Amino acid sequence: IHDANDRSNATDVLVPAAGSEAQGVGLQVLHSGAPLMMGRVWAHTDSTGAAEDIPFSARYIRQAGQPLKAGAIVGEAVMMADYY
């Protein structure tokens, strides 16, 4: 999984997409409730050919040292899957 707006981002907070207006907050992608680091390879499970549920969610996170400004914020991540 990687940050669609900054492929080099290796943190757990997405870089805001162009046009985002909010400041002082970021978006975190969570996997099973834990922050997911961008740019990392991870394994979900060994599949037996059945449908797989991947428990993703997202949350806002306050960015320390930045002034808070209300507005829209968009974060985007890309997940690539290998099947073998």
PDB file of N, CA and C in Angstrom:
ATOM      1  N   ILE A   1       0.864  -1.169   0.000  1.00  0.00           N
ATOM      2  CA  ILE A   1       0.000   0.000   0.000  1.00  0.00           C
ATOM      3  C   ILE A   1       0.907   1.227   0.000  1.00  0.00           C
ATOM      4  N   HIS A   2       0.505   2.247  -0.770  1.00  0.00           N
ATOM      5  CA  HIS A   2       1.283   3.483  -0.776  1.00  0.00           C
ATOM      6  C   HIS A   2       0.369   4.702  -0.903  1.00  0.00           C
ATOM      7  N   ASP A   3       0.917   5.841  -0.555  1.00  0.00           N
ATOM      8  CA  ASP A   3       0.217   7.111  -0.610  1.00  0.00           C
ATOM      9  C   ASP A   3       0.144   7.549  -2.071  1.00  0.00           C
ATOM     10  N   ALA A   4      -1.050   7.742  -2.584  1.00  0.00           N
ATOM     11  CA  ALA A   4      -1.229   8.122  -3.990  1.00  0.00           C
ATOM     12  C   ALA A   4      -0.711   9.525  -4.281  1.00  0.00           C
ATOM     13  N   ASN A   5      -0.571  10.369  -3.269  1.00  0.00           N
ATOM     14  CA  ASN A   5      -0.131  11.741  -3.482  1.00  0.00           C
ATOM     15  C   ASN A   5       1.340  11.971  -3.173  1.00  0.00           C
ATOM     16  N   ASP A   6       2.005  10.970  -2.624  1.00  0.00           N
ATOM     17  CA  ASP A   6       3.444  11.041  -2.363  1.00  0.00           C
ATOM     18  C   ASP A   6       3.968   9.616  -2.206  1.00  0.00           C
ATOM     19  N   ARG A   7       4.417   9.044  -3.309  1.00  0.00           N
ATOM     20  CA  ARG A   7       4.860   7.639  -3.296  1.00  0.00           C
ATOM     21  C   ARG A   7       5.997   7.403  -2.306  1.00  0.00           C
ATOM     22  N   SER A   8       6.769   8.442  -1.968  1.00  0.00           N
ATOM     23  CA  SER A   8       7.888   8.276  -1.029  1.00  0.00           C
ATOM     24  C   SER A   8       7.443   8.362   0.432  1.00  0.00           C
ATOM     25  N   ASN A   9       6.180   8.665   0.694  1.00  0.00           N
ATOM     26  CA  ASN A   9       5.683   8.781   2.068  1.00  0.00           C
ATOM     27  C   ASN A   9       5.784   7.429   2.769  1.00  0.00           C
ATOM     28  N   ALA A  10       6.528   7.382   3.864  1.00  0.00           N
ATOM     29  CA  ALA A  10       6.693   6.147   4.636  1.00  0.00           C
ATOM     30  C   ALA A  10       6.091   6.284   6.030  1.00  0.00           C
ATOM     31  N   THR A  11       5.208   7.266   6.217  1.00  0.00           N
ATOM     32  CA  THR A  11       4.568   7.474   7.514  1.00  0.00           C
ATOM     33  C   THR A  11       3.197   6.803   7.527  1.00  0.00           C
ATOM     34  N   ASP A  12       2.481   6.972   8.631  1.00  0.00           N
ATOM     35  CA  ASP A  12       1.127   6.430   8.721  1.00  0.00           C
ATOM     36  C   ASP A  12       0.057   7.505   8.512  1.00  0.00           C
ATOM     37  N   VAL A  13       0.453   8.691   8.005  1.00  0.00           N
ATOM     38  CA  VAL A  13      -0.479   9.772   7.712  1.00  0.00           C
ATOM     39  C   VAL A  13      -0.382  10.101   6.220  1.00  0.00           C
ATOM     40  N   LEU A  14      -1.530  10.108   5.541  1.00  0.00           N
ATOM     41  CA  LEU A  14      -1.552  10.397   4.108  1.00  0.00           C
ATOM     42  C   LEU A  14      -1.283  11.873   3.832  1.00  0.00           C
ATOM     43  N   VAL A  15      -0.614  12.160   2.716  1.00  0.00           N
ATOM     44  CA  VAL A  15      -0.420  13.527   2.260  1.00  0.00           C
ATOM     45  C   VAL A  15      -1.752  13.996   1.674  1.00  0.00           C
ATOM     46  N   PRO A  16      -2.237  15.184   2.066  1.00  0.00           N
ATOM     47  CA  PRO A  16      -3.515  15.660   1.536  1.00  0.00           C
ATOM     48  C   PRO A  16      -3.462  15.816   0.010  1.00  0.00           C
ATOM     49  N   ALA A  17      -4.558  15.434  -0.647  1.00  0.00           N
ATOM     50  CA  ALA A  17      -4.664  15.561  -2.104  1.00  0.00           C
ATOM     51  C   ALA A  17      -4.797  17.030  -2.482  1.00  0.00           C
ATOM     52  N   ALA A  18      -4.459  17.343  -3.725  1.00  0.00           N
ATOM     53  CA  ALA A  18      -4.603  18.702  -4.242  1.00  0.00           C
ATOM     54  C   ALA A  18      -6.037  19.179  -4.021  1.00  0.00           C
ATOM     55  N   GLY A  19      -6.177  20.409  -3.596  1.00  0.00           N
ATOM     56  CA  GLY A  19      -7.491  20.980  -3.346  1.00  0.00           C
ATOM     57  C   GLY A  19      -7.954  20.843  -1.908  1.00  0.00           C
ATOM     58  N   SER A  20      -7.245  20.064  -1.098  1.00  0.00           N
ATOM     59  CA  SER A  20      -7.606  19.950   0.322  1.00  0.00           C
ATOM     60  C   SER A  20      -7.393  21.300   0.988  1.00  0.00           C
ATOM     61  N   GLU A  21      -8.341  21.691   1.837  1.00  0.00           N
ATOM     62  CA  GLU A  21      -8.285  23.010   2.466  1.00  0.00           C
ATOM     63  C   GLU A  21      -7.934  22.959   3.946  1.00  0.00           C
ATOM     64  N   ALA A  22      -8.247  21.867   4.622  1.00  0.00           N
ATOM     65  CA  ALA A  22      -8.009  21.768   6.057  1.00  0.00           C
ATOM     66  C   ALA A  22      -6.511  21.788   6.342  1.00  0.00           C
ATOM     67  N   GLN A  23      -6.171  22.311   7.492  1.00  0.00           N
ATOM     68  CA  GLN A  23      -4.783  22.313   7.947  1.00  0.00           C
ATOM     69  C   GLN A  23      -4.755  21.862   9.398  1.00  0.00           C
ATOM     70  N   GLY A  24      -3.640  21.289   9.792  1.00  0.00           N
ATOM     71  CA  GLY A  24      -3.472  20.857  11.162  1.00  0.00           C
ATOM     72  C   GLY A  24      -4.046  19.483  11.455  1.00  0.00           C
ATOM     73  N   VAL A  25      -4.615  18.849  10.432  1.00  0.00           N
ATOM     74  CA  VAL A  25      -5.135  17.488  10.568  1.00  0.00           C
ATOM     75  C   VAL A  25      -4.649  16.659   9.390  1.00  0.00           C
ATOM     76  N   GLY A  26      -4.616  15.359   9.587  1.00  0.00           N
ATOM     77  CA  GLY A  26      -4.261  14.440   8.519  1.00  0.00           C
ATOM     78  C   GLY A  26      -5.202  13.256   8.561  1.00  0.00           C
ATOM     79  N   LEU A  27      -5.048  12.364   7.613  1.00  0.00           N
ATOM     80  CA  LEU A  27      -5.852  11.150   7.547  1.00  0.00           C
ATOM     81  C   LEU A  27      -4.953   9.941   7.706  1.00  0.00           C
ATOM     82  N   GLN A  28      -5.355   9.040   8.578  1.00  0.00           N
ATOM     83  CA  GLN A  28      -4.645   7.783   8.786  1.00  0.00           C
ATOM     84  C   GLN A  28      -5.497   6.646   8.252  1.00  0.00           C
ATOM     85  N   VAL A  29      -4.844   5.707   7.561  1.00  0.00           N
ATOM     86  CA  VAL A  29      -5.497   4.458   7.172  1.00  0.00           C
ATOM     87  C   VAL A  29      -5.215   3.453   8.275  1.00  0.00           C
ATOM     88  N   LEU A  30      -6.248   2.749   8.711  1.00  0.00           N
ATOM     89  CA  LEU A  30      -6.112   1.749   9.761  1.00  0.00           C
ATOM     90  C   LEU A  30      -6.402   0.364   9.196  1.00  0.00           C
ATOM     91  N   HIS A  31      -5.632  -0.611   9.646  1.00  0.00           N
ATOM     92  CA  HIS A  31      -5.876  -2.011   9.305  1.00  0.00           C
ATOM     93  C   HIS A  31      -6.104  -2.750  10.606  1.00  0.00           C
ATOM     94  N   SER A  32      -7.294  -3.285  10.764  1.00  0.00           N
ATOM     95  CA  SER A  32      -7.684  -3.944  12.019  1.00  0.00           C
ATOM     96  C   SER A  32      -7.506  -3.018  13.213  1.00  0.00           C
ATOM     97  N   GLY A  33      -7.760  -1.725  13.014  1.00  0.00           N
ATOM     98  CA  GLY A  33      -7.700  -0.751  14.089  1.00  0.00           C
ATOM     99  C   GLY A  33      -6.340  -0.149  14.367  1.00  0.00           C
ATOM    100  N   ALA A  34      -5.289  -0.613  13.684  1.00  0.00           N
ATOM    101  CA  ALA A  34      -3.927  -0.097  13.909  1.00  0.00           C
ATOM    102  C   ALA A  34      -3.483   0.728  12.700  1.00  0.00           C
ATOM    103  N   PRO A  35      -2.763   1.844  12.931  1.00  0.00           N
ATOM    104  CA  PRO A  35      -2.268   2.646  11.813  1.00  0.00           C
ATOM    105  C   PRO A  35      -1.420   1.814  10.856  1.00  0.00           C
ATOM    106  N   LEU A  36      -1.619   2.039   9.568  1.00  0.00           N
ATOM    107  CA  LEU A  36      -0.925   1.287   8.526  1.00  0.00           C
ATOM    108  C   LEU A  36       0.133   2.188   7.889  1.00  0.00           C
ATOM    109  N   MET A  37       1.392   1.787   7.978  1.00  0.00           N
ATOM    110  CA  MET A  37       2.489   2.565   7.391  1.00  0.00           C
ATOM    111  C   MET A  37       2.429   2.459   5.872  1.00  0.00           C
ATOM    112  N   MET A  38       2.607   3.586   5.212  1.00  0.00           N
ATOM    113  CA  MET A  38       2.620   3.606   3.751  1.00  0.00           C
ATOM    114  C   MET A  38       3.964   3.092   3.231  1.00  0.00           C
ATOM    115  N   GLY A  39       3.944   2.527   2.051  1.00  0.00           N
ATOM    116  CA  GLY A  39       5.160   2.052   1.409  1.00  0.00           C
ATOM    117  C   GLY A  39       5.660   0.711   1.907  1.00  0.00           C
ATOM    118  N   ARG A  40       4.858   0.016   2.662  1.00  0.00           N
ATOM    119  CA  ARG A  40       5.277  -1.275   3.215  1.00  0.00           C
ATOM    120  C   ARG A  40       4.516  -2.413   2.554  1.00  0.00           C
ATOM    121  N   VAL A  41       5.172  -3.525   2.457  1.00  0.00           N
ATOM    122  CA  VAL A  41       4.542  -4.743   1.975  1.00  0.00           C
ATOM    123  C   VAL A  41       4.047  -5.506   3.203  1.00  0.00           C
ATOM    124  N   TRP A  42       2.848  -6.025   3.150  1.00  0.00           N
ATOM    125  CA  TRP A  42       2.323  -6.795   4.261  1.00  0.00           C
ATOM    126  C   TRP A  42       1.453  -7.911   3.712  1.00  0.00           C
ATOM    127  N   ALA A  43       1.307  -8.940   4.482  1.00  0.00           N
ATOM    128  CA  ALA A  43       0.495 -10.090   4.082  1.00  0.00           C
ATOM    129  C   ALA A  43      -0.797 -10.068   4.876  1.00  0.00           C
ATOM    130  N   HIS A  44      -1.888 -10.287   4.193  1.00  0.00           N
ATOM    131  CA  HIS A  44      -3.187 -10.321   4.869  1.00  0.00           C
ATOM    132  C   HIS A  44      -3.408 -11.689   5.506  1.00  0.00           C
ATOM    133  N   THR A  45      -3.387 -12.720   4.698  1.00  0.00           N
ATOM    134  CA  THR A  45      -3.618 -14.071   5.189  1.00  0.00           C
ATOM    135  C   THR A  45      -3.342 -15.054   4.062  1.00  0.00           C
ATOM    136  N   ASP A  46      -3.179 -16.285   4.405  1.00  0.00           N
ATOM    137  CA  ASP A  46      -3.157 -17.327   3.387  1.00  0.00           C
ATOM    138  C   ASP A  46      -4.593 -17.629   3.036  1.00  0.00           C
ATOM    139  N   SER A  47      -4.919 -17.552   1.769  1.00  0.00           N
ATOM    140  CA  SER A  47      -6.293 -17.744   1.333  1.00  0.00           C
ATOM    141  C   SER A  47      -6.518 -19.165   0.877  1.00  0.00           C
ATOM    142  N   THR A  48      -7.722 -19.620   1.062  1.00  0.00           N
ATOM    143  CA  THR A  48      -8.104 -20.945   0.571  1.00  0.00           C
ATOM    144  C   THR A  48      -9.004 -20.814  -0.658  1.00  0.00           C
ATOM    145  N   GLY A  49      -8.986 -19.644  -1.283  1.00  0.00           N
ATOM    146  CA  GLY A  49      -9.790 -19.425  -2.480  1.00  0.00           C
ATOM    147  C   GLY A  49     -11.145 -18.817  -2.188  1.00  0.00           C
ATOM    148  N   ALA A  50     -11.436 -18.559  -0.942  1.00  0.00           N
ATOM    149  CA  ALA A  50     -12.709 -17.942  -0.572  1.00  0.00           C
ATOM    150  C   ALA A  50     -12.576 -16.418  -0.632  1.00  0.00           C
ATOM    151  N   ALA A  51     -13.681 -15.739  -0.483  1.00  0.00           N
ATOM    152  CA  ALA A  51     -13.659 -14.276  -0.415  1.00  0.00           C
ATOM    153  C   ALA A  51     -12.940 -13.846   0.855  1.00  0.00           C
ATOM    154  N   GLU A  52     -12.166 -12.789   0.766  1.00  0.00           N
ATOM    155  CA  GLU A  52     -11.407 -12.291   1.909  1.00  0.00           C
ATOM    156  C   GLU A  52     -11.893 -10.897   2.284  1.00  0.00           C
ATOM    157  N   ASP A  53     -12.104 -10.656   3.552  1.00  0.00           N
ATOM    158  CA  ASP A  53     -12.419  -9.326   4.055  1.00  0.00           C
ATOM    159  C   ASP A  53     -11.143  -8.721   4.616  1.00  0.00           C
ATOM    160  N   ILE A  54     -10.858  -7.481   4.207  1.00  0.00           N
ATOM    161  CA  ILE A  54      -9.697  -6.767   4.731  1.00  0.00           C
ATOM    162  C   ILE A  54     -10.242  -5.579   5.509  1.00  0.00           C
ATOM    163  N   PRO A  55     -10.106  -5.586   6.831  1.00  0.00           N
ATOM    164  CA  PRO A  55     -10.731  -4.568   7.675  1.00  0.00           C
ATOM    165  C   PRO A  55      -9.977  -3.232   7.684  1.00  0.00           C
ATOM    166  N   PHE A  56     -10.277  -2.383   6.700  1.00  0.00           N
ATOM    167  CA  PHE A  56      -9.696  -1.046   6.633  1.00  0.00           C
ATOM    168  C   PHE A  56     -10.677  -0.033   7.196  1.00  0.00           C
ATOM    169  N   SER A  57     -10.140   1.006   7.782  1.00  0.00           N
ATOM    170  CA  SER A  57     -10.922   2.171   8.190  1.00  0.00           C
ATOM    171  C   SER A  57      -9.977   3.367   8.125  1.00  0.00           C
ATOM    172  N   ALA A  58     -10.492   4.534   8.413  1.00  0.00           N
ATOM    173  CA  ALA A  58      -9.666   5.743   8.405  1.00  0.00           C
ATOM    174  C   ALA A  58     -10.109   6.656   9.532  1.00  0.00           C
ATOM    175  N   ARG A  59      -9.196   7.531   9.940  1.00  0.00           N
ATOM    176  CA  ARG A  59      -9.540   8.512  10.968  1.00  0.00           C
ATOM    177  C   ARG A  59      -8.746   9.789  10.751  1.00  0.00           C
ATOM    178  N   TYR A  60      -9.269  10.866  11.306  1.00  0.00           N
ATOM    179  CA  TYR A  60      -8.545  12.128  11.334  1.00  0.00           C
ATOM    180  C   TYR A  60      -7.540  12.071  12.478  1.00  0.00           C
ATOM    181  N   ILE A  61      -6.394  12.722  12.273  1.00  0.00           N
ATOM    182  CA  ILE A  61      -5.386  12.796  13.326  1.00  0.00           C
ATOM    183  C   ILE A  61      -4.833  14.223  13.348  1.00  0.00           C
ATOM    184  N   ARG A  62      -4.701  14.767  14.533  1.00  0.00           N
ATOM    185  CA  ARG A  62      -4.202  16.136  14.712  1.00  0.00           C
ATOM    186  C   ARG A  62      -2.706  16.167  14.447  1.00  0.00           C
ATOM    187  N   GLN A  63      -2.263  17.119  13.628  1.00  0.00           N
ATOM    188  CA  GLN A  63      -0.851  17.295  13.305  1.00  0.00           C
ATOM    189  C   GLN A  63      -0.239  18.296  14.290  1.00  0.00           C
ATOM    190  N   ALA A  64       0.701  17.850  15.080  1.00  0.00           N
ATOM    191  CA  ALA A  64       1.347  18.706  16.091  1.00  0.00           C
ATOM    192  C   ALA A  64       2.092  19.857  15.428  1.00  0.00           C
ATOM    193  N   GLY A  65       2.022  21.012  16.053  1.00  0.00           N
ATOM    194  CA  GLY A  65       2.791  22.166  15.600  1.00  0.00           C
ATOM    195  C   GLY A  65       2.208  22.880  14.396  1.00  0.00           C
ATOM    196  N   GLN A  66       1.048  22.479  13.925  1.00  0.00           N
ATOM    197  CA  GLN A  66       0.422  23.143  12.783  1.00  0.00           C
ATOM    198  C   GLN A  66      -0.856  23.832  13.242  1.00  0.00           C
ATOM    199  N   PRO A  67      -1.122  25.034  12.727  1.00  0.00           N
ATOM    200  CA  PRO A  67      -2.374  25.693  13.097  1.00  0.00           C
ATOM    201  C   PRO A  67      -3.561  24.910  12.546  1.00  0.00           C
ATOM    202  N   LEU A  68      -4.666  24.933  13.264  1.00  0.00           N
ATOM    203  CA  LEU A  68      -5.864  24.217  12.863  1.00  0.00           C
ATOM    204  C   LEU A  68      -6.740  25.120  12.009  1.00  0.00           C
ATOM    205  N   LYS A  69      -7.105  24.647  10.818  1.00  0.00           N
ATOM    206  CA  LYS A  69      -7.972  25.394   9.908  1.00  0.00           C
ATOM    207  C   LYS A  69      -9.027  24.441   9.365  1.00  0.00           C
ATOM    208  N   ALA A  70     -10.281  24.814   9.514  1.00  0.00           N
ATOM    209  CA  ALA A  70     -11.379  23.984   9.032  1.00  0.00           C
ATOM    210  C   ALA A  70     -11.405  23.946   7.508  1.00  0.00           C
ATOM    211  N   GLY A  71     -11.912  22.852   6.969  1.00  0.00           N
ATOM    212  CA  GLY A  71     -12.052  22.710   5.521  1.00  0.00           C
ATOM    213  C   GLY A  71     -12.046  21.250   5.140  1.00  0.00           C
ATOM    214  N   ALA A  72     -12.236  21.010   3.882  1.00  0.00           N
ATOM    215  CA  ALA A  72     -12.248  19.637   3.360  1.00  0.00           C
ATOM    216  C   ALA A  72     -10.828  19.099   3.263  1.00  0.00           C
ATOM    217  N   ILE A  73     -10.689  17.793   3.470  1.00  0.00           N
ATOM    218  CA  ILE A  73      -9.397  17.132   3.296  1.00  0.00           C
ATOM    219  C   ILE A  73      -9.647  15.788   2.617  1.00  0.00           C
ATOM    220  N   VAL A  74      -8.787  15.475   1.667  1.00  0.00           N
ATOM    221  CA  VAL A  74      -8.886  14.215   0.933  1.00  0.00           C
ATOM    222  C   VAL A  74      -7.530  13.527   0.986  1.00  0.00           C
ATOM    223  N   GLY A  75      -7.537  12.259   1.335  1.00  0.00           N
ATOM    224  CA  GLY A  75      -6.338  11.429   1.302  1.00  0.00           C
ATOM    225  C   GLY A  75      -6.622  10.232   0.410  1.00  0.00           C
ATOM    226  N   GLU A  76      -5.612   9.765  -0.289  1.00  0.00           N
ATOM    227  CA  GLU A  76      -5.800   8.648  -1.210  1.00  0.00           C
ATOM    228  C   GLU A  76      -4.645   7.663  -1.068  1.00  0.00           C
ATOM    229  N   ALA A  77      -4.987   6.390  -1.012  1.00  0.00           N
ATOM    230  CA  ALA A  77      -3.980   5.338  -0.940  1.00  0.00           C
ATOM    231  C   ALA A  77      -4.237   4.328  -2.056  1.00  0.00           C
ATOM    232  N   VAL A  78      -3.180   3.675  -2.487  1.00  0.00           N
ATOM    233  CA  VAL A  78      -3.278   2.663  -3.540  1.00  0.00           C
ATOM    234  C   VAL A  78      -2.791   1.335  -2.955  1.00  0.00           C
ATOM    235  N   MET A  79      -3.608   0.315  -3.098  1.00  0.00           N
ATOM    236  CA  MET A  79      -3.219  -1.015  -2.629  1.00  0.00           C
ATOM    237  C   MET A  79      -3.067  -1.923  -3.835  1.00  0.00           C
ATOM    238  N   MET A  80      -1.939  -2.579  -3.906  1.00  0.00           N
ATOM    239  CA  MET A  80      -1.679  -3.547  -4.967  1.00  0.00           C
ATOM    240  C   MET A  80      -1.686  -4.926  -4.320  1.00  0.00           C
ATOM    241  N   ALA A  81      -2.338  -5.871  -4.981  1.00  0.00           N
ATOM    242  CA  ALA A  81      -2.439  -7.216  -4.421  1.00  0.00           C
ATOM    243  C   ALA A  81      -1.808  -8.224  -5.353  1.00  0.00           C
ATOM    244  N   ASP A  82      -1.046  -9.130  -4.789  1.00  0.00           N
ATOM    245  CA  ASP A  82      -0.484 -10.254  -5.537  1.00  0.00           C
ATOM    246  C   ASP A  82      -1.237 -11.507  -5.149  1.00  0.00           C
ATOM    247  N   TYR A  83      -1.641 -12.257  -6.154  1.00  0.00           N
ATOM    248  CA  TYR A  83      -2.303 -13.535  -5.931  1.00  0.00           C
ATOM    249  C   TYR A  83      -1.384 -14.632  -6.428  1.00  0.00           C
ATOM    250  N   TYR A  84      -1.165 -15.614  -5.639  1.00  0.00           N
ATOM    251  CA  TYR A  84      -0.342 -16.749  -6.077  1.00  0.00           C
ATOM    252  C   TYR A  84      -0.748 -17.989  -5.375  1.00  0.00           C
TER     253      TYR A  84
END
